[in-house]
Amino acid sequence: FFKQKTAYEIASCLVGSEMCIRDSLDKIDIMTKKALKISKVKLKDIDAVAATAGPGLIVCLSVGLNFAKALSLSLKKPFIAVNHLEGHALSPKLNFNIKYPYLLFLISGGHTQYLTVKKLGDYKRLGTTIDDALGEAFDKTAKLLNLGYPGGPKIEELASNGDENRFVLPKPILNRGGCNLSFAGLKTAILRLKEFIKTEKDKNDLAASFQKTVLDILNKKTKKAIEQYLELYPKNRTLVVAGGVAANKQIRIILKKLCQDEKFKIYFPDLKLCTDNAAMIALAGLERYKKKKFDKHNFEANPRWQLDNKAKFLKGAGVKI
């Protein structure tokens, strides 16, 4: 990949960058030049080129993916297609020396999953959301309360000033379904309560009640995931929590407490590396480069690329769990 010393600086401006996507193809070459200038790396010194190939919106994926393919071909350097979720799975390795295997709790706007990470490229899903991802539930709740986007930080801010016991909200499939999760019913409950929210205190109390409900769900479901994980790896007691929602302070607190009780080590990415970022894609590309896991240039964007390709697709109220 890029020289390791400067890989993360370059990738932060180039691979998978939201700015590049929003500014479209007209700007991605400008960003590339800027990244190379800041990192003081020349194109001829690049060892390989990596880009996110999925999952996600295909239009957005295609911008960076096609640019990376063209750059790889022109430089005659290896091309590496990276799973966006693998980037999250490895992201704490940017700050910590974490050994395989470990339990991964991936919580973001589009994904909420528990997976075992046996080694690079070897993942087994233990549980997932059957409807909304947790980040999506935060964002939709914030929208219902007219808090703007992204919703997570807004909800957390209001919750700090609210009464978490005022509203009793549902906890779907809390006592069944293993470590699968459901958040759609929680969102619907907020919708029904919306007409009764008249004051700032009401809004603070609802945000606090919503967050407490989420914390209760995550505490129980993560404990269940730990039980399932230990059946496979009884000697490796490590939990990695990654994704945008991993930045939530209260979620960090309850998961740290749970891991203390379960005698687990727990790792979170640095706050700036929780949300989607190119550094984690650079790291995943670097790890694959070391093992010579290269891809052909006809590799297509995959909007539903799963980490566990054997996992069943679970979605909708009719799912039997």
Protein backbone atom coordinates (compact mmCIF):
# COMPACT_ATOMS: atom_id res chain seq x y z
CA PHE A 1 0.00 0.00 0.00
CA PHE A 2 1.29 3.49 0.62
CA LYS A 3 4.43 3.72 2.69
CA GLN A 4 3.14 2.84 6.14
CA LYS A 5 4.45 5.98 7.77
CA THR A 6 2.22 8.21 5.66
CA ALA A 7 -0.56 5.81 4.65
CA TYR A 8 -3.18 7.21 6.97
CA GLU A 9 -2.51 10.85 6.07
CA ILE A 10 -2.86 10.19 2.34
CA ALA A 11 -5.88 7.95 2.68
CA SER A 12 -7.70 10.42 4.90
CA CYS A 13 -7.84 12.79 1.94
CA LEU A 14 -8.25 10.24 -0.83
CA VAL A 15 -9.79 6.82 -0.31
CA GLY A 16 -13.46 6.75 0.60
CA SER A 17 -13.49 10.44 1.46
CA GLU A 18 -16.96 11.88 1.83
CA MET A 19 -15.64 15.16 0.53
CA CYS A 20 -14.49 13.50 -2.68
CA ILE A 21 -17.90 11.92 -3.13
CA ARG A 22 -19.78 15.15 -2.59
CA ASP A 23 -17.52 17.16 -4.82
CA SER A 24 -17.78 14.43 -7.48
CA LEU A 25 -15.22 13.32 -10.03
CA ASP A 26 -14.34 16.92 -10.84
CA LYS A 27 -12.58 17.28 -7.48
CA ILE A 28 -11.06 13.87 -6.74
CA ASP A 29 -7.89 14.58 -8.72
CA ILE A 30 -7.46 17.86 -6.84
CA MET A 31 -7.79 16.01 -3.55
CA THR A 32 -5.24 13.44 -4.68
CA LYS A 33 -2.69 16.11 -5.48
CA LYS A 34 -3.33 17.83 -2.16
CA ALA A 35 -2.95 14.56 -0.23
CA LEU A 36 0.33 13.76 -1.94
CA LYS A 37 1.62 17.26 -1.27
CA ILE A 38 0.71 17.22 2.43
CA SER A 39 2.17 13.75 3.01
CA LYS A 40 5.25 14.48 0.88
CA VAL A 41 4.83 11.21 -1.03
CA LYS A 42 5.22 10.91 -4.78
CA LEU A 43 3.01 8.72 -6.94
CA LYS A 44 5.98 6.60 -7.96
CA ASP A 45 6.52 5.67 -4.30
CA ILE A 46 3.03 4.19 -3.86
CA ASP A 47 3.08 0.40 -3.57
CA ALA A 48 -0.61 -0.27 -4.26
CA VAL A 49 -4.00 1.44 -4.45
CA ALA A 50 -7.00 0.50 -2.33
CA ALA A 51 -10.57 1.76 -2.31
CA THR A 52 -13.89 0.94 -0.71
CA ALA A 53 -15.95 -1.38 -2.92
CA GLY A 54 -18.94 -1.86 -0.62
CA PRO A 55 -21.30 -1.96 1.09
CA GLY A 56 -23.03 1.36 0.49
CA LEU A 57 -24.72 3.43 -2.20
CA ILE A 58 -23.40 2.27 -5.55
CA VAL A 59 -23.20 5.79 -7.00
CA CYS A 60 -21.01 6.94 -4.13
CA LEU A 61 -18.89 3.79 -4.19
CA SER A 62 -18.24 4.10 -7.91
CA VAL A 63 -16.51 7.47 -7.63
CA GLY A 64 -13.61 6.33 -5.48
CA LEU A 65 -13.54 2.78 -6.83
CA ASN A 66 -13.22 3.75 -10.49
CA PHE A 67 -10.66 6.42 -9.71
CA ALA A 68 -8.60 3.91 -7.71
CA LYS A 69 -8.73 1.37 -10.55
CA ALA A 70 -7.57 3.96 -13.07
CA LEU A 71 -4.75 5.11 -10.80
CA SER A 72 -3.68 1.52 -10.20
CA LEU A 73 -3.60 0.75 -13.91
CA SER A 74 -1.71 3.89 -14.82
CA LEU A 75 0.92 3.22 -12.14
CA LYS A 76 0.99 -0.53 -12.83
CA LYS A 77 0.50 -1.12 -9.12
CA PRO A 78 -1.73 -3.72 -7.39
CA PHE A 79 -5.37 -2.85 -6.80
CA ILE A 80 -7.14 -3.76 -3.54
CA ALA A 81 -10.92 -3.70 -3.10
CA VAL A 82 -11.77 -3.11 0.55
CA ASN A 83 -14.96 -4.00 2.39
CA HIS A 84 -16.05 -0.89 4.25
CA LEU A 85 -17.08 -3.01 7.23
CA GLU A 86 -13.65 -4.62 7.36
CA GLY A 87 -12.25 -1.13 7.70
CA HIS A 88 -14.39 -0.62 10.81
CA ALA A 89 -13.47 -4.09 12.09
CA LEU A 90 -9.77 -3.25 11.97
CA SER A 91 -9.97 0.46 12.88
CA PRO A 92 -8.93 0.14 16.56
CA LYS A 93 -5.69 -1.40 15.31
CA LEU A 94 -4.71 2.11 14.27
CA ASN A 95 -4.31 2.87 17.99
CA PHE A 96 -3.86 -0.49 19.69
CA ASN A 97 -2.03 -3.76 19.21
CA ILE A 98 -5.01 -6.12 19.13
CA LYS A 99 -4.52 -9.83 18.52
CA TYR A 100 -6.91 -12.18 16.75
CA PRO A 101 -9.43 -13.57 17.42
CA TYR A 102 -11.84 -11.06 18.96
CA LEU A 103 -15.53 -10.24 19.20
CA LEU A 104 -16.59 -7.26 17.11
CA PHE A 105 -19.62 -5.09 17.83
CA LEU A 106 -20.16 -2.94 14.76
CA ILE A 107 -22.60 -0.07 15.36
CA SER A 108 -23.10 2.54 12.66
CA GLY A 109 -25.79 4.30 10.65
CA GLY A 110 -26.18 1.36 8.30
CA HIS A 111 -25.05 -1.68 10.29
CA THR A 112 -25.49 -3.16 13.74
CA GLN A 113 -23.82 -6.55 14.05
CA TYR A 114 -21.95 -8.85 16.38
CA LEU A 115 -19.21 -10.83 14.61
CA THR A 116 -16.26 -13.00 15.46
CA VAL A 117 -13.02 -11.86 13.84
CA LYS A 118 -10.84 -14.96 13.59
CA LYS A 119 -8.29 -13.35 11.31
CA LEU A 120 -8.11 -10.97 8.37
CA GLY A 121 -10.92 -11.95 6.00
CA ASP A 122 -12.41 -14.59 8.32
CA TYR A 123 -15.63 -13.36 9.94
CA LYS A 124 -18.66 -15.07 11.43
CA ARG A 125 -21.82 -13.13 12.20
CA LEU A 126 -23.42 -13.97 15.54
CA GLY A 127 -26.22 -11.43 15.46
CA THR A 128 -27.58 -8.46 13.53
CA THR A 129 -30.47 -6.00 13.47
CA ILE A 130 -33.57 -7.30 11.71
CA ASP A 131 -34.72 -3.78 10.80
CA ASP A 132 -33.13 -0.41 11.58
CA ALA A 133 -29.46 -0.07 12.40
CA LEU A 134 -28.77 1.66 15.71
CA GLY A 135 -27.33 4.78 14.08
CA GLU A 136 -30.42 4.97 11.87
CA ALA A 137 -32.65 4.74 14.96
CA PHE A 138 -30.76 7.65 16.54
CA ASP A 139 -31.03 9.72 13.36
CA LYS A 140 -34.74 9.02 12.85
CA THR A 141 -35.53 9.82 16.48
CA ALA A 142 -33.59 13.07 16.20
CA LYS A 143 -35.50 13.93 13.02
CA LEU A 144 -38.84 13.32 14.76
CA LEU A 145 -37.71 15.71 17.49
CA ASN A 146 -36.47 18.26 14.92
CA LEU A 147 -32.90 18.01 16.14
CA GLY A 148 -31.16 17.87 12.77
CA TYR A 149 -28.50 15.50 11.44
CA PRO A 150 -26.49 13.58 12.58
CA GLY A 151 -28.83 12.57 15.36
CA GLY A 152 -26.57 10.68 17.74
CA PRO A 153 -24.67 13.64 19.25
CA LYS A 154 -27.90 15.66 19.52
CA ILE A 155 -29.74 12.90 21.36
CA GLU A 156 -26.82 12.40 23.72
CA GLU A 157 -26.64 16.12 24.46
CA LEU A 158 -30.36 16.41 25.30
CA ALA A 159 -30.33 13.16 27.27
CA SER A 160 -27.76 14.58 29.68
CA ASN A 161 -30.42 17.07 30.87
CA GLY A 162 -33.42 14.75 30.90
CA ASP A 163 -35.26 12.27 33.13
CA GLU A 164 -34.48 8.84 31.69
CA ASN A 165 -37.31 7.18 33.64
CA ARG A 166 -40.14 9.41 32.50
CA PHE A 167 -41.11 7.49 29.35
CA VAL A 168 -41.35 3.70 29.21
CA LEU A 169 -40.31 2.62 25.72
CA PRO A 170 -40.37 -0.84 24.09
CA LYS A 171 -37.35 -3.14 23.92
CA PRO A 172 -38.10 -5.38 20.91
CA ILE A 173 -36.91 -9.03 20.99
CA LEU A 174 -34.97 -8.32 24.18
CA ASN A 175 -35.49 -11.82 25.56
CA ARG A 176 -35.40 -13.80 22.34
CA GLY A 177 -33.50 -14.02 19.09
CA GLY A 178 -30.09 -14.56 20.64
CA CYS A 179 -28.02 -11.44 20.03
CA ASN A 180 -30.12 -10.24 17.11
CA LEU A 181 -31.56 -6.76 17.63
CA SER A 182 -34.55 -4.68 16.57
CA PHE A 183 -35.02 -0.91 16.78
CA ALA A 184 -37.95 -0.16 14.46
CA GLY A 185 -40.52 -0.54 17.26
CA LEU A 186 -38.58 1.90 19.39
CA LYS A 187 -38.66 4.46 16.61
CA THR A 188 -42.42 3.94 16.16
CA ALA A 189 -42.97 4.54 19.87
CA ILE A 190 -41.18 7.88 19.57
CA LEU A 191 -43.43 8.80 16.65
CA ARG A 192 -46.54 8.12 18.73
CA LEU A 193 -45.25 10.23 21.60
CA LYS A 194 -44.24 13.13 19.40
CA GLU A 195 -47.59 14.96 19.76
CA PHE A 196 -47.16 15.07 23.55
CA ILE A 197 -43.74 16.74 23.37
CA LYS A 198 -44.50 20.40 24.01
CA THR A 199 -41.56 21.80 25.98
CA GLU A 200 -37.78 21.55 26.02
CA LYS A 201 -38.07 19.49 29.20
CA ASP A 202 -40.34 17.03 27.38
CA LYS A 203 -37.80 16.77 24.61
CA ASN A 204 -34.92 16.24 27.03
CA ASP A 205 -36.84 13.58 28.93
CA LEU A 206 -37.77 11.69 25.76
CA ALA A 207 -34.17 11.79 24.52
CA ALA A 208 -32.96 10.49 27.90
CA SER A 209 -35.60 7.73 27.95
CA PHE A 210 -34.70 6.73 24.40
CA GLN A 211 -30.99 6.56 25.21
CA LYS A 212 -31.59 4.57 28.42
CA THR A 213 -33.72 2.07 26.48
CA VAL A 214 -30.94 1.66 23.92
CA LEU A 215 -28.38 1.16 26.69
CA ASP A 216 -30.52 -1.53 28.33
CA ILE A 217 -30.88 -3.33 25.00
CA LEU A 218 -27.17 -3.16 24.21
CA ASN A 219 -26.17 -4.32 27.66
CA LYS A 220 -28.30 -7.46 27.45
CA LYS A 221 -27.61 -8.26 23.79
CA THR A 222 -23.86 -7.73 24.13
CA LYS A 223 -23.80 -10.04 27.14
CA LYS A 224 -25.55 -12.66 25.00
CA ALA A 225 -23.05 -12.10 22.18
CA ILE A 226 -20.19 -12.60 24.64
CA GLU A 227 -21.71 -15.91 25.73
CA GLN A 228 -21.94 -17.10 22.12
CA TYR A 229 -18.42 -15.88 21.35
CA LEU A 230 -16.92 -17.72 24.34
CA GLU A 231 -18.41 -20.97 23.07
CA LEU A 232 -16.10 -20.57 20.06
CA TYR A 233 -13.09 -18.86 21.65
CA PRO A 234 -13.07 -19.46 25.42
CA LYS A 235 -9.49 -18.21 25.88
CA ASN A 236 -9.60 -14.96 23.91
CA ARG A 237 -11.62 -12.40 25.85
CA THR A 238 -11.49 -9.27 23.70
CA LEU A 239 -14.31 -7.03 22.48
CA VAL A 240 -13.82 -4.40 19.78
CA VAL A 241 -16.55 -1.77 19.36
CA ALA A 242 -16.42 0.21 16.12
CA GLY A 243 -18.57 2.41 13.89
CA GLY A 244 -20.02 5.89 14.22
CA VAL A 245 -22.25 5.08 17.20
CA ALA A 246 -19.19 3.86 19.11
CA ALA A 247 -18.49 7.55 19.77
CA ASN A 248 -21.49 7.73 22.14
CA LYS A 249 -20.07 8.27 25.63
CA GLN A 250 -22.86 6.48 27.49
CA ILE A 251 -22.60 3.43 25.26
CA ARG A 252 -18.87 3.34 25.95
CA ILE A 253 -19.51 3.50 29.69
CA ILE A 254 -22.04 0.65 29.84
CA LEU A 255 -19.97 -1.60 27.56
CA LYS A 256 -16.82 -0.95 29.57
CA LYS A 257 -18.71 -1.88 32.74
CA LEU A 258 -20.04 -5.06 31.12
CA CYS A 259 -16.56 -6.06 29.95
CA GLN A 260 -15.18 -5.41 33.42
CA ASP A 261 -17.80 -7.77 34.84
CA GLU A 262 -17.13 -10.38 32.15
CA LYS A 263 -13.34 -10.01 32.45
CA PHE A 264 -13.03 -8.87 28.85
CA LYS A 265 -10.62 -6.38 27.34
CA ILE A 266 -12.47 -3.74 25.35
CA TYR A 267 -11.18 -1.46 22.59
CA PHE A 268 -12.76 1.52 20.85
CA PRO A 269 -11.27 3.46 17.94
CA ASP A 270 -10.17 7.01 18.58
CA LEU A 271 -13.25 9.26 18.40
CA LYS A 272 -12.18 10.75 15.06
CA LEU A 273 -11.88 7.22 13.64
CA CYS A 274 -15.35 6.05 14.69
CA THR A 275 -17.26 7.60 11.82
CA ASP A 276 -16.54 6.61 8.22
CA ASN A 277 -12.97 7.58 7.40
CA ALA A 278 -10.28 6.71 4.90
CA ALA A 279 -7.63 5.82 7.46
CA MET A 280 -9.41 2.57 8.28
CA ILE A 281 -9.65 1.74 4.56
CA ALA A 282 -5.93 2.41 4.25
CA LEU A 283 -5.24 0.06 7.14
CA ALA A 284 -7.41 -2.71 5.67
CA GLY A 285 -5.65 -2.22 2.34
CA LEU A 286 -2.26 -2.35 4.03
CA GLU A 287 -3.13 -5.59 5.85
CA ARG A 288 -4.28 -7.15 2.59
CA TYR A 289 -1.19 -5.90 0.77
CA LYS A 290 1.04 -7.65 3.31
CA LYS A 291 -0.69 -10.93 2.48
CA LYS A 292 -0.70 -10.19 -1.27
CA LYS A 293 -4.49 -10.23 -1.37
CA PHE A 294 -4.90 -8.26 -4.58
CA ASP A 295 -8.00 -7.86 -6.78
CA LYS A 296 -8.62 -7.68 -10.51
CA HIS A 297 -9.62 -4.40 -12.06
CA ASN A 298 -13.03 -5.73 -13.09
CA PHE A 299 -14.02 -5.96 -9.40
CA GLU A 300 -17.47 -4.39 -9.19
CA ALA A 301 -18.96 -2.28 -6.42
CA ASN A 302 -21.09 -4.39 -4.10
CA PRO A 303 -23.82 -2.41 -2.27
CA ARG A 304 -24.60 -5.36 0.04
CA TRP A 305 -21.16 -6.81 0.59
CA GLN A 306 -21.25 -8.70 3.89
CA LEU A 307 -18.27 -9.56 6.06
CA ASP A 308 -19.74 -13.03 6.61
CA ASN A 309 -20.72 -14.17 3.12
CA LYS A 310 -22.53 -17.20 4.59
CA ALA A 311 -24.79 -15.16 6.85
CA LYS A 312 -28.49 -15.08 6.01
CA PHE A 313 -30.05 -11.76 5.10
CA LEU A 314 -32.38 -10.79 7.97
CA LYS A 315 -34.79 -7.94 7.38
CA GLY A 316 -38.39 -7.11 8.15
CA ALA A 317 -41.05 -7.79 10.74
CA GLY A 318 -41.75 -11.24 9.34
CA VAL A 319 -38.30 -12.59 10.14
CA LYS A 320 -38.48 -15.64 12.39
CA ILE A 321 -35.87 -15.49 15.14
